[in-house]
Amino acid sequence: MSTPTLSGPSASSGGPAASLAALRTLPRALSAATAEPRTYLTAREKDTLRLAANGKTNHAIARELGLSEETVKTRMQKLRRKLRADDRAHAVAIGLALGLLRLEDVVVPPDANRGYRPTG
């Protein structure tokens, strides 16, 4: 049997030749990128979600990240759309469920739940 010849751009024909190793990894890279689009949040969107999980308002998030409040609102809309969340609390819950946020990211105030009577 003869070896099949590859047609297309190559170094000898004036165009760049794609390496076989790069072509082999392409399907995996594409499937990983499209496997679960809900989990792809930018680092900035994750920062915004983390601060929202800690009860920060858009104004407080904007101050902490050095952004305008409109930018924070836009980021919240984008990440809610990506997560298919109805509101910011739902986005935080989805972020925790998908592993985008960790419980350690949420700061619990030391006096949380203090002074309430136990039920039962």
Protein backbone atom coordinates (compact mmCIF):
# COMPACT_ATOMS: atom_id res chain seq x y z
CA MET A 1 0.00 0.00 0.00
CA SER A 2 1.14 3.46 -0.71
CA THR A 3 1.24 6.26 1.84
CA PRO A 4 -1.55 8.79 1.34
CA THR A 5 -0.41 12.26 0.44
CA LEU A 6 -1.81 15.26 2.19
CA SER A 7 -2.95 18.12 0.05
CA GLY A 8 -3.31 21.69 1.22
CA PRO A 9 -0.95 24.35 2.47
CA SER A 10 2.54 23.28 3.31
CA ALA A 11 5.87 24.95 3.83
CA SER A 12 6.93 23.97 0.32
CA SER A 13 3.79 25.41 -1.32
CA GLY A 14 4.10 28.76 0.40
CA GLY A 15 1.55 28.32 3.20
CA PRO A 16 1.92 27.15 6.77
CA ALA A 17 1.62 23.43 7.33
CA ALA A 18 -0.52 22.29 10.23
CA SER A 19 1.26 19.85 12.48
CA LEU A 20 -0.41 16.48 12.92
CA ALA A 21 -0.12 16.78 16.69
CA ALA A 22 -2.06 20.05 16.62
CA LEU A 23 -4.72 18.53 14.39
CA ARG A 24 -5.12 15.54 16.71
CA THR A 25 -5.78 17.75 19.73
CA LEU A 26 -8.22 20.03 17.90
CA PRO A 27 -11.35 17.86 18.35
CA ARG A 28 -10.66 17.49 22.08
CA ALA A 29 -10.10 21.21 22.47
CA LEU A 30 -13.31 22.00 20.62
CA SER A 31 -15.39 19.53 22.60
CA ALA A 32 -13.96 20.80 25.89
CA ALA A 33 -14.77 24.38 24.95
CA THR A 34 -18.36 23.55 24.01
CA ALA A 35 -19.08 20.74 26.45
CA GLU A 36 -20.66 22.93 29.14
CA PRO A 37 -20.79 26.61 28.24
CA ARG A 38 -22.50 27.43 31.54
CA THR A 39 -19.28 26.82 33.43
CA TYR A 40 -17.22 29.24 31.38
CA LEU A 41 -17.10 32.49 33.29
CA THR A 42 -14.24 34.92 32.90
CA ALA A 43 -12.07 35.61 35.94
CA ARG A 44 -13.73 39.03 36.23
CA GLU A 45 -17.19 37.49 36.15
CA LYS A 46 -16.13 35.03 38.86
CA ASP A 47 -14.84 37.92 41.00
CA THR A 48 -18.16 39.70 40.55
CA LEU A 49 -20.09 36.53 41.44
CA ARG A 50 -17.91 35.96 44.53
CA LEU A 51 -18.59 39.48 45.78
CA ALA A 52 -22.32 39.09 45.06
CA ALA A 53 -22.24 35.85 47.06
CA ASN A 54 -20.99 37.89 49.99
CA GLY A 55 -24.00 40.20 49.82
CA LYS A 56 -22.26 43.14 48.12
CA THR A 57 -24.39 45.57 46.15
CA ASN A 58 -23.49 46.57 42.60
CA HIS A 59 -22.18 49.86 44.00
CA ALA A 60 -19.95 48.07 46.55
CA ILE A 61 -18.69 45.60 43.92
CA ALA A 62 -17.87 48.51 41.61
CA ARG A 63 -15.88 50.26 44.35
CA GLU A 64 -13.98 47.10 45.30
CA LEU A 65 -13.07 46.23 41.70
CA GLY A 66 -12.46 49.81 40.57
CA LEU A 67 -15.24 49.73 37.98
CA SER A 68 -18.32 51.75 37.17
CA GLU A 69 -21.62 50.54 38.53
CA GLU A 70 -22.88 50.11 34.94
CA THR A 71 -19.98 47.75 34.18
CA VAL A 72 -20.89 45.65 37.22
CA LYS A 73 -24.55 45.55 36.13
CA THR A 74 -23.48 44.40 32.65
CA ARG A 75 -21.23 41.72 34.14
CA MET A 76 -24.00 40.48 36.40
CA GLN A 77 -26.38 40.29 33.41
CA LYS A 78 -23.81 38.34 31.36
CA LEU A 79 -23.01 35.83 34.09
CA ARG A 80 -26.70 35.37 34.93
CA ARG A 81 -27.35 34.70 31.23
CA LYS A 82 -24.47 32.20 31.04
CA LEU A 83 -25.68 30.42 34.16
CA ARG A 84 -29.32 30.70 33.08
CA ALA A 85 -30.11 32.16 36.50
CA ASP A 86 -33.28 34.09 37.31
CA ASP A 87 -31.61 36.48 39.76
CA ARG A 88 -28.32 37.03 41.60
CA ALA A 89 -29.19 34.65 44.45
CA HIS A 90 -29.94 31.95 41.89
CA ALA A 91 -26.63 32.73 40.12
CA VAL A 92 -24.77 32.28 43.42
CA ALA A 93 -26.55 28.97 44.09
CA ILE A 94 -25.72 27.72 40.58
CA GLY A 95 -22.12 28.92 40.97
CA LEU A 96 -21.80 26.90 44.19
CA ALA A 97 -23.47 23.84 42.65
CA LEU A 98 -21.21 23.90 39.58
CA GLY A 99 -18.04 24.49 41.60
CA LEU A 100 -17.46 27.99 40.24
CA LEU A 101 -17.61 29.25 43.82
CA ARG A 102 -16.41 27.47 46.92
CA LEU A 103 -18.07 27.69 50.33
CA GLU A 104 -14.80 29.23 51.55
CA ASP A 105 -15.45 32.14 49.16
CA VAL A 106 -18.51 33.11 51.20
CA VAL A 107 -17.63 34.97 54.39
CA VAL A 108 -20.04 34.31 57.25
CA PRO A 109 -20.16 37.18 59.77
CA PRO A 110 -19.14 36.07 63.28
CA ASP A 111 -22.50 37.12 64.75
CA ALA A 112 -24.61 35.42 62.08
CA ASN A 113 -27.68 33.78 63.57
CA ARG A 114 -26.81 35.05 67.08
CA GLY A 115 -29.76 35.97 69.28
CA TYR A 116 -32.34 33.80 67.59
CA ARG A 117 -34.30 31.36 69.66
CA PRO A 118 -33.88 27.71 68.77
CA THR A 119 -36.98 26.08 67.35
CA GLY A 120 -38.35 22.85 68.61
